[in-house]
Amino acid sequence: GMDARGDRDGIRRLFLTATQWVLYLAIPVNLGLWCFGRPFLVRWLGPEAGAATAPPAAVLALTVTVGVAQSAASRILYGLGELRWFARLTLLDGVANVLLTLLLVRPFGVEGVAWAVAVPN
């Protein structure tokens, strides 16, 4: 509706407000992953598996805030019908993810795959 009315300031306010509220929710989750991720994984999966999965989980936690913040922008761009650049960047993100995974999986294992996901994001 805002786009049909030409209310670009309203769209901008909506984007900023939505991003702000999403970040208010995502940042505590991200901090929880950082502070309690290892103990939770050790308790859930056992000492050996929990210790092995904690570093990749910490790397992937880096992307939570960025990914959630992007979700508001993608929904607004979808509503405006302006997805061309967003779609191209998403495709580039996927290609970079696959290439980095192929490069990093052998030397670094699962943690390398986590970095391959985090870096393009």
C-alpha atoms as a PDB file:
ATOM      1  CA  GLY A   1       0.000   0.000   0.000  1.00  0.00           C
ATOM      2  CA  MET A   2       2.810   2.404   0.854  1.00  0.00           C
ATOM      3  CA  ASP A   3       4.445   1.765  -2.512  1.00  0.00           C
ATOM      4  CA  ALA A   4       1.181   2.401  -4.358  1.00  0.00           C
ATOM      5  CA  ARG A   5       0.827   5.710  -2.514  1.00  0.00           C
ATOM      6  CA  GLY A   6       4.456   6.601  -3.257  1.00  0.00           C
ATOM      7  CA  ASP A   7       5.216   6.740   0.469  1.00  0.00           C
ATOM      8  CA  ARG A   8       8.957   6.057   0.300  1.00  0.00           C
ATOM      9  CA  ASP A   9       9.500   7.622   3.723  1.00  0.00           C
ATOM     10  CA  GLY A  10       6.925   5.230   5.187  1.00  0.00           C
ATOM     11  CA  ILE A  11       8.661   2.265   3.558  1.00  0.00           C
ATOM     12  CA  ARG A  12      11.982   3.476   4.945  1.00  0.00           C
ATOM     13  CA  ARG A  13      10.500   3.839   8.451  1.00  0.00           C
ATOM     14  CA  LEU A  14       8.944   0.381   8.170  1.00  0.00           C
ATOM     15  CA  PHE A  15      12.270  -1.112   7.118  1.00  0.00           C
ATOM     16  CA  LEU A  16      14.177   0.557   9.960  1.00  0.00           C
ATOM     17  CA  THR A  17      11.565  -0.313  12.578  1.00  0.00           C
ATOM     18  CA  ALA A  18      11.239  -3.931  11.437  1.00  0.00           C
ATOM     19  CA  THR A  19      15.014  -4.376  11.347  1.00  0.00           C
ATOM     20  CA  GLN A  20      15.341  -2.824  14.779  1.00  0.00           C
ATOM     21  CA  TRP A  21      12.742  -5.124  16.342  1.00  0.00           C
ATOM     22  CA  VAL A  22      14.149  -8.201  14.650  1.00  0.00           C
ATOM     23  CA  LEU A  23      17.587  -7.324  16.000  1.00  0.00           C
ATOM     24  CA  TYR A  24      16.136  -6.831  19.489  1.00  0.00           C
ATOM     25  CA  LEU A  25      15.045 -10.465  19.269  1.00  0.00           C
ATOM     26  CA  ALA A  26      18.090 -11.871  17.467  1.00  0.00           C
ATOM     27  CA  ILE A  27      20.901 -10.353  19.504  1.00  0.00           C
ATOM     28  CA  PRO A  28      19.912 -12.066  22.794  1.00  0.00           C
ATOM     29  CA  VAL A  29      19.596 -15.372  20.935  1.00  0.00           C
ATOM     30  CA  ASN A  30      23.035 -14.846  19.422  1.00  0.00           C
ATOM     31  CA  LEU A  31      24.526 -13.967  22.805  1.00  0.00           C
ATOM     32  CA  GLY A  32      22.859 -17.056  24.266  1.00  0.00           C
ATOM     33  CA  LEU A  33      24.444 -19.202  21.578  1.00  0.00           C
ATOM     34  CA  TRP A  34      27.839 -17.699  22.335  1.00  0.00           C
ATOM     35  CA  CYS A  35      27.574 -17.924  26.119  1.00  0.00           C
ATOM     36  CA  PHE A  36      25.693 -21.182  26.546  1.00  0.00           C
ATOM     37  CA  GLY A  37      26.229 -23.009  23.245  1.00  0.00           C
ATOM     38  CA  ARG A  38      29.130 -25.179  24.343  1.00  0.00           C
ATOM     39  CA  PRO A  39      27.606 -26.265  27.701  1.00  0.00           C
ATOM     40  CA  PHE A  40      24.281 -26.950  26.004  1.00  0.00           C
ATOM     41  CA  LEU A  41      25.884 -29.032  23.251  1.00  0.00           C
ATOM     42  CA  VAL A  42      28.045 -30.964  25.724  1.00  0.00           C
ATOM     43  CA  ARG A  43      25.006 -31.778  27.854  1.00  0.00           C
ATOM     44  CA  TRP A  44      22.830 -32.643  24.849  1.00  0.00           C
ATOM     45  CA  LEU A  45      25.320 -34.587  22.714  1.00  0.00           C
ATOM     46  CA  GLY A  46      27.796 -35.749  25.334  1.00  0.00           C
ATOM     47  CA  PRO A  47      31.281 -34.473  26.131  1.00  0.00           C
ATOM     48  CA  GLU A  48      33.058 -35.629  22.983  1.00  0.00           C
ATOM     49  CA  ALA A  49      30.445 -34.675  20.372  1.00  0.00           C
ATOM     50  CA  GLY A  50      29.495 -31.479  22.200  1.00  0.00           C
ATOM     51  CA  ALA A  51      33.099 -30.301  22.316  1.00  0.00           C
ATOM     52  CA  ALA A  52      33.536 -31.123  18.621  1.00  0.00           C
ATOM     53  CA  THR A  53      30.404 -29.281  17.512  1.00  0.00           C
ATOM     54  CA  ALA A  54      30.833 -26.178  19.682  1.00  0.00           C
ATOM     55  CA  PRO A  55      33.382 -24.363  17.444  1.00  0.00           C
ATOM     56  CA  PRO A  56      31.296 -24.720  14.237  1.00  0.00           C
ATOM     57  CA  ALA A  57      28.200 -23.663  16.186  1.00  0.00           C
ATOM     58  CA  ALA A  58      30.032 -20.560  17.433  1.00  0.00           C
ATOM     59  CA  VAL A  59      31.057 -19.663  13.876  1.00  0.00           C
ATOM     60  CA  LEU A  60      27.497 -20.142  12.612  1.00  0.00           C
ATOM     61  CA  ALA A  61      26.195 -18.012  15.482  1.00  0.00           C
ATOM     62  CA  LEU A  62      28.044 -15.094  13.882  1.00  0.00           C
ATOM     63  CA  THR A  63      25.603 -15.218  10.987  1.00  0.00           C
ATOM     64  CA  VAL A  64      22.402 -15.260  13.069  1.00  0.00           C
ATOM     65  CA  THR A  65      22.196 -11.508  13.568  1.00  0.00           C
ATOM     66  CA  VAL A  66      23.087 -10.677   9.969  1.00  0.00           C
ATOM     67  CA  GLY A  67      20.713 -13.269   8.531  1.00  0.00           C
ATOM     68  CA  VAL A  68      17.799 -12.192  10.665  1.00  0.00           C
ATOM     69  CA  ALA A  69      18.406  -8.512   9.886  1.00  0.00           C
ATOM     70  CA  GLN A  70      18.351  -9.354   6.174  1.00  0.00           C
ATOM     71  CA  SER A  71      14.985 -11.049   6.529  1.00  0.00           C
ATOM     72  CA  ALA A  72      13.172  -7.738   7.069  1.00  0.00           C
ATOM     73  CA  ALA A  73      14.854  -6.228   4.025  1.00  0.00           C
ATOM     74  CA  SER A  74      14.039  -9.216   1.825  1.00  0.00           C
ATOM     75  CA  ARG A  75      10.352  -9.090   2.784  1.00  0.00           C
ATOM     76  CA  ILE A  76      10.126  -5.391   2.010  1.00  0.00           C
ATOM     77  CA  LEU A  77      11.928  -5.821  -1.314  1.00  0.00           C
ATOM     78  CA  TYR A  78       9.584  -8.703  -2.122  1.00  0.00           C
ATOM     79  CA  GLY A  79       6.580  -6.508  -1.357  1.00  0.00           C
ATOM     80  CA  LEU A  80       7.958  -3.773  -3.600  1.00  0.00           C
ATOM     81  CA  GLY A  81       8.705  -6.230  -6.392  1.00  0.00           C
ATOM     82  CA  GLU A  82      12.359  -5.177  -6.414  1.00  0.00           C
ATOM     83  CA  LEU A  83      14.129  -8.484  -5.991  1.00  0.00           C
ATOM     84  CA  ARG A  84      16.521  -8.430  -8.927  1.00  0.00           C
ATOM     85  CA  TRP A  85      19.662  -7.352  -7.000  1.00  0.00           C
ATOM     86  CA  PHE A  86      18.693  -9.298  -3.900  1.00  0.00           C
ATOM     87  CA  ALA A  87      18.201 -12.463  -5.961  1.00  0.00           C
ATOM     88  CA  ARG A  88      21.555 -11.995  -7.689  1.00  0.00           C
ATOM     89  CA  LEU A  89      23.338 -11.469  -4.384  1.00  0.00           C
ATOM     90  CA  THR A  90      21.627 -14.544  -2.932  1.00  0.00           C
ATOM     91  CA  LEU A  91      22.775 -16.591  -5.928  1.00  0.00           C
ATOM     92  CA  LEU A  92      26.318 -15.221  -5.537  1.00  0.00           C
ATOM     93  CA  ASP A  93      26.160 -16.096  -1.826  1.00  0.00           C
ATOM     94  CA  GLY A  94      25.232 -19.685  -2.698  1.00  0.00           C
ATOM     95  CA  VAL A  95      27.997 -20.050  -5.273  1.00  0.00           C
ATOM     96  CA  ALA A  96      30.575 -18.608  -2.868  1.00  0.00           C
ATOM     97  CA  ASN A  97      29.288 -20.939  -0.158  1.00  0.00           C
ATOM     98  CA  VAL A  98      29.752 -24.033  -2.329  1.00  0.00           C
ATOM     99  CA  LEU A  99      33.205 -22.968  -3.562  1.00  0.00           C
ATOM    100  CA  LEU A 100      34.428 -22.119  -0.072  1.00  0.00           C
ATOM    101  CA  THR A 101      33.016 -25.382   1.263  1.00  0.00           C
ATOM    102  CA  LEU A 102      34.983 -27.328  -1.342  1.00  0.00           C
ATOM    103  CA  LEU A 103      38.136 -25.389  -0.461  1.00  0.00           C
ATOM    104  CA  LEU A 104      37.820 -25.522   3.323  1.00  0.00           C
ATOM    105  CA  VAL A 105      36.277 -28.907   4.108  1.00  0.00           C
ATOM    106  CA  ARG A 106      39.439 -30.970   3.698  1.00  0.00           C
ATOM    107  CA  PRO A 107      41.870 -28.820   5.673  1.00  0.00           C
ATOM    108  CA  PHE A 108      39.428 -27.722   8.416  1.00  0.00           C
ATOM    109  CA  GLY A 109      36.588 -30.265   8.430  1.00  0.00           C
ATOM    110  CA  VAL A 110      33.196 -29.217   9.771  1.00  0.00           C
ATOM    111  CA  GLU A 111      34.560 -25.943  11.120  1.00  0.00           C
ATOM    112  CA  GLY A 112      35.753 -25.089   7.605  1.00  0.00           C
ATOM    113  CA  VAL A 113      32.244 -25.684   6.290  1.00  0.00           C
ATOM    114  CA  ALA A 114      30.895 -23.387   9.011  1.00  0.00           C
ATOM    115  CA  TRP A 115      33.304 -20.667   7.898  1.00  0.00           C
ATOM    116  CA  ALA A 116      32.291 -21.308   4.276  1.00  0.00           C
ATOM    117  CA  VAL A 117      28.706 -20.532   5.280  1.00  0.00           C
ATOM    118  CA  ALA A 118      29.584 -17.552   7.486  1.00  0.00           C
ATOM    119  CA  VAL A 119      31.940 -15.654   5.185  1.00  0.00           C
ATOM    120  CA  PRO A 120      29.594 -15.062   2.217  1.00  0.00           C
ATOM    121  CA  ASN A 121      26.750 -14.227   4.568  1.00  0.00           C
END
